[in-house]
Amino acid sequence: KNLKVMDMTAFTLCMENELPIIVFDMNKQGNLLRVVAGEKVGTLVKG
């Protein structure tokens, strides 16, 4: 879909340092809190 949710440098740094990335809808109320609480929201990308 080519959503462009983050720049390539940030993505590469996360992949090289084995940091997980959670892609989720920031416009849906409560989603950020759910992510921080560890709930399964959105898509987990890990390298």
PDB file of N, CA and C in Angstrom:
ATOM      1  N   LYS A   1       0.815  -1.203   0.000  1.00  0.00           N
ATOM      2  CA  LYS A   1       0.000   0.000   0.000  1.00  0.00           C
ATOM      3  C   LYS A   1       0.852   1.258   0.000  1.00  0.00           C
ATOM      4  N   ASN A   2       2.143   1.125   0.332  1.00  0.00           N
ATOM      5  CA  ASN A   2       3.059   2.265   0.314  1.00  0.00           C
ATOM      6  C   ASN A   2       2.558   3.401   1.216  1.00  0.00           C
ATOM      7  N   LEU A   3       2.293   3.077   2.486  1.00  0.00           N
ATOM      8  CA  LEU A   3       1.716   4.051   3.414  1.00  0.00           C
ATOM      9  C   LEU A   3       2.708   5.087   3.924  1.00  0.00           C
ATOM     10  N   LYS A   4       4.005   4.792   3.833  1.00  0.00           N
ATOM     11  CA  LYS A   4       5.049   5.725   4.264  1.00  0.00           C
ATOM     12  C   LYS A   4       4.853   6.139   5.724  1.00  0.00           C
ATOM     13  N   VAL A   5       4.842   5.150   6.610  1.00  0.00           N
ATOM     14  CA  VAL A   5       4.624   5.429   8.026  1.00  0.00           C
ATOM     15  C   VAL A   5       5.893   5.855   8.750  1.00  0.00           C
ATOM     16  N   MET A   6       7.069   5.567   8.177  1.00  0.00           N
ATOM     17  CA  MET A   6       8.325   6.027   8.770  1.00  0.00           C
ATOM     18  C   MET A   6       9.392   6.088   7.690  1.00  0.00           C
ATOM     19  N   ASP A   7      10.431   6.890   7.927  1.00  0.00           N
ATOM     20  CA  ASP A   7      11.457   7.037   6.898  1.00  0.00           C
ATOM     21  C   ASP A   7      12.393   5.826   6.882  1.00  0.00           C
ATOM     22  N   MET A   8      13.086   5.632   5.777  1.00  0.00           N
ATOM     23  CA  MET A   8      13.923   4.458   5.578  1.00  0.00           C
ATOM     24  C   MET A   8      15.078   4.399   6.577  1.00  0.00           C
ATOM     25  N   THR A   9      15.629   5.538   6.971  1.00  0.00           N
ATOM     26  CA  THR A   9      16.728   5.543   7.940  1.00  0.00           C
ATOM     27  C   THR A   9      16.261   4.994   9.283  1.00  0.00           C
ATOM     28  N   ALA A  10      15.119   5.450   9.759  1.00  0.00           N
ATOM     29  CA  ALA A  10      14.574   4.967  11.030  1.00  0.00           C
ATOM     30  C   ALA A  10      14.268   3.477  10.944  1.00  0.00           C
ATOM     31  N   PHE A  11      13.692   3.049   9.832  1.00  0.00           N
ATOM     32  CA  PHE A  11      13.368   1.639   9.638  1.00  0.00           C
ATOM     33  C   PHE A  11      14.640   0.796   9.656  1.00  0.00           C
ATOM     34  N   THR A  12      15.678   1.239   8.952  1.00  0.00           N
ATOM     35  CA  THR A  12      16.945   0.510   8.888  1.00  0.00           C
ATOM     36  C   THR A  12      17.597   0.416  10.264  1.00  0.00           C
ATOM     37  N   LEU A  13      17.599   1.510  11.015  1.00  0.00           N
ATOM     38  CA  LEU A  13      18.167   1.494  12.364  1.00  0.00           C
ATOM     39  C   LEU A  13      17.449   0.486  13.261  1.00  0.00           C
ATOM     40  N   CYS A  14      16.148   0.429  13.162  1.00  0.00           N
ATOM     41  CA  CYS A  14      15.385  -0.538  13.957  1.00  0.00           C
ATOM     42  C   CYS A  14      15.728  -1.967  13.555  1.00  0.00           C
ATOM     43  N   MET A  15      15.819  -2.228  12.278  1.00  0.00           N
ATOM     44  CA  MET A  15      16.137  -3.573  11.809  1.00  0.00           C
ATOM     45  C   MET A  15      17.555  -3.981  12.223  1.00  0.00           C
ATOM     46  N   GLU A  16      18.522  -3.087  12.074  1.00  0.00           N
ATOM     47  CA  GLU A  16      19.914  -3.395  12.418  1.00  0.00           C
ATOM     48  C   GLU A  16      20.098  -3.639  13.912  1.00  0.00           C
ATOM     49  N   ASN A  17      19.290  -2.982  14.725  1.00  0.00           N
ATOM     50  CA  ASN A  17      19.409  -3.112  16.177  1.00  0.00           C
ATOM     51  C   ASN A  17      18.350  -4.030  16.781  1.00  0.00           C
ATOM     52  N   GLU A  18      17.654  -4.770  15.909  1.00  0.00           N
ATOM     53  CA  GLU A  18      16.634  -5.742  16.314  1.00  0.00           C
ATOM     54  C   GLU A  18      15.566  -5.135  17.220  1.00  0.00           C
ATOM     55  N   LEU A  19      15.141  -3.917  16.879  1.00  0.00           N
ATOM     56  CA  LEU A  19      14.075  -3.248  17.617  1.00  0.00           C
ATOM     57  C   LEU A  19      12.745  -3.493  16.910  1.00  0.00           C
ATOM     58  N   PRO A  20      11.741  -3.972  17.621  1.00  0.00           N
ATOM     59  CA  PRO A  20      10.441  -4.198  16.985  1.00  0.00           C
ATOM     60  C   PRO A  20       9.755  -2.874  16.649  1.00  0.00           C
ATOM     61  N   ILE A  21       8.947  -2.902  15.611  1.00  0.00           N
ATOM     62  CA  ILE A  21       8.168  -1.738  15.194  1.00  0.00           C
ATOM     63  C   ILE A  21       6.701  -2.160  15.210  1.00  0.00           C
ATOM     64  N   ILE A  22       5.860  -1.374  15.845  1.00  0.00           N
ATOM     65  CA  ILE A  22       4.429  -1.645  15.835  1.00  0.00           C
ATOM     66  C   ILE A  22       3.758  -0.557  15.009  1.00  0.00           C
ATOM     67  N   VAL A  23       3.117  -0.969  13.932  1.00  0.00           N
ATOM     68  CA  VAL A  23       2.409  -0.045  13.045  1.00  0.00           C
ATOM     69  C   VAL A  23       0.923  -0.139  13.394  1.00  0.00           C
ATOM     70  N   PHE A  24       0.334   1.005  13.775  1.00  0.00           N
ATOM     71  CA  PHE A  24      -1.067   0.995  14.183  1.00  0.00           C
ATOM     72  C   PHE A  24      -1.727   2.321  13.831  1.00  0.00           C
ATOM     73  N   ASP A  25      -3.044   2.359  13.910  1.00  0.00           N
ATOM     74  CA  ASP A  25      -3.833   3.548  13.574  1.00  0.00           C
ATOM     75  C   ASP A  25      -3.825   4.530  14.744  1.00  0.00           C
ATOM     76  N   MET A  26      -3.071   5.623  14.591  1.00  0.00           N
ATOM     77  CA  MET A  26      -2.995   6.639  15.648  1.00  0.00           C
ATOM     78  C   MET A  26      -4.284   7.458  15.730  1.00  0.00           C
ATOM     79  N   ASN A  27      -5.123   7.389  14.697  1.00  0.00           N
ATOM     80  CA  ASN A  27      -6.358   8.171  14.689  1.00  0.00           C
ATOM     81  C   ASN A  27      -7.473   7.509  15.490  1.00  0.00           C
ATOM     82  N   LYS A  28      -7.315   6.226  15.819  1.00  0.00           N
ATOM     83  CA  LYS A  28      -8.337   5.530  16.595  1.00  0.00           C
ATOM     84  C   LYS A  28      -8.080   5.774  18.080  1.00  0.00           C
ATOM     85  N   GLN A  29      -9.059   6.358  18.746  1.00  0.00           N
ATOM     86  CA  GLN A  29      -8.910   6.727  20.151  1.00  0.00           C
ATOM     87  C   GLN A  29      -8.567   5.508  21.008  1.00  0.00           C
ATOM     88  N   GLY A  30      -7.546   5.657  21.851  1.00  0.00           N
ATOM     89  CA  GLY A  30      -7.162   4.598  22.775  1.00  0.00           C
ATOM     90  C   GLY A  30      -6.095   3.651  22.260  1.00  0.00           C
ATOM     91  N   ASN A  31      -5.778   3.717  20.962  1.00  0.00           N
ATOM     92  CA  ASN A  31      -4.812   2.777  20.399  1.00  0.00           C
ATOM     93  C   ASN A  31      -3.413   2.929  20.990  1.00  0.00           C
ATOM     94  N   LEU A  32      -2.951   4.147  21.182  1.00  0.00           N
ATOM     95  CA  LEU A  32      -1.609   4.340  21.737  1.00  0.00           C
ATOM     96  C   LEU A  32      -1.521   3.724  23.132  1.00  0.00           C
ATOM     97  N   LEU A  33      -2.527   3.941  23.942  1.00  0.00           N
ATOM     98  CA  LEU A  33      -2.559   3.361  25.285  1.00  0.00           C
ATOM     99  C   LEU A  33      -2.558   1.834  25.208  1.00  0.00           C
ATOM    100  N   ARG A  34      -3.300   1.285  24.261  1.00  0.00           N
ATOM    101  CA  ARG A  34      -3.337  -0.174  24.098  1.00  0.00           C
ATOM    102  C   ARG A  34      -1.966  -0.731  23.722  1.00  0.00           C
ATOM    103  N   VAL A  35      -1.271  -0.042  22.826  1.00  0.00           N
ATOM    104  CA  VAL A  35       0.067  -0.480  22.416  1.00  0.00           C
ATOM    105  C   VAL A  35       1.012  -0.448  23.612  1.00  0.00           C
ATOM    106  N   VAL A  36       0.998   0.656  24.357  1.00  0.00           N
ATOM    107  CA  VAL A  36       1.880   0.799  25.522  1.00  0.00           C
ATOM    108  C   VAL A  36       1.559  -0.261  26.581  1.00  0.00           C
ATOM    109  N   ALA A  37       0.291  -0.625  26.692  1.00  0.00           N
ATOM    110  CA  ALA A  37      -0.126  -1.635  27.669  1.00  0.00           C
ATOM    111  C   ALA A  37       0.214  -3.054  27.216  1.00  0.00           C
ATOM    112  N   GLY A  38       0.688  -3.191  25.981  1.00  0.00           N
ATOM    113  CA  GLY A  38       1.087  -4.509  25.496  1.00  0.00           C
ATOM    114  C   GLY A  38       0.006  -5.280  24.767  1.00  0.00           C
ATOM    115  N   GLU A  39      -1.128  -4.632  24.520  1.00  0.00           N
ATOM    116  CA  GLU A  39      -2.191  -5.309  23.781  1.00  0.00           C
ATOM    117  C   GLU A  39      -1.786  -5.473  22.320  1.00  0.00           C
ATOM    118  N   LYS A  40      -2.347  -6.473  21.672  1.00  0.00           N
ATOM    119  CA  LYS A  40      -2.043  -6.705  20.263  1.00  0.00           C
ATOM    120  C   LYS A  40      -2.886  -5.765  19.409  1.00  0.00           C
ATOM    121  N   VAL A  41      -2.250  -4.709  18.945  1.00  0.00           N
ATOM    122  CA  VAL A  41      -2.906  -3.707  18.105  1.00  0.00           C
ATOM    123  C   VAL A  41      -2.029  -3.490  16.887  1.00  0.00           C
ATOM    124  N   GLY A  42      -2.597  -3.483  15.712  1.00  0.00           N
ATOM    125  CA  GLY A  42      -1.828  -3.206  14.504  1.00  0.00           C
ATOM    126  C   GLY A  42      -0.981  -4.379  14.059  1.00  0.00           C
ATOM    127  N   THR A  43       0.173  -4.050  13.468  1.00  0.00           N
ATOM    128  CA  THR A  43       1.072  -5.049  12.892  1.00  0.00           C
ATOM    129  C   THR A  43       2.448  -4.924  13.526  1.00  0.00           C
ATOM    130  N   LEU A  44       2.996  -6.058  13.949  1.00  0.00           N
ATOM    131  CA  LEU A  44       4.339  -6.094  14.517  1.00  0.00           C
ATOM    132  C   LEU A  44       5.332  -6.428  13.413  1.00  0.00           C
ATOM    133  N   VAL A  45       6.348  -5.580  13.261  1.00  0.00           N
ATOM    134  CA  VAL A  45       7.408  -5.799  12.274  1.00  0.00           C
ATOM    135  C   VAL A  45       8.699  -5.982  13.050  1.00  0.00           C
ATOM    136  N   LYS A  46       9.364  -7.116  12.833  1.00  0.00           N
ATOM    137  CA  LYS A  46      10.646  -7.328  13.506  1.00  0.00           C
ATOM    138  C   LYS A  46      11.612  -8.012  12.560  1.00  0.00           C
ATOM    139  N   GLY A  47      12.900  -7.742  12.769  1.00  0.00           N
ATOM    140  CA  GLY A  47      13.897  -8.266  11.854  1.00  0.00           C
ATOM    141  C   GLY A  47      14.797  -9.297  12.446  1.00  0.00           C
TER     142      GLY A  47
END
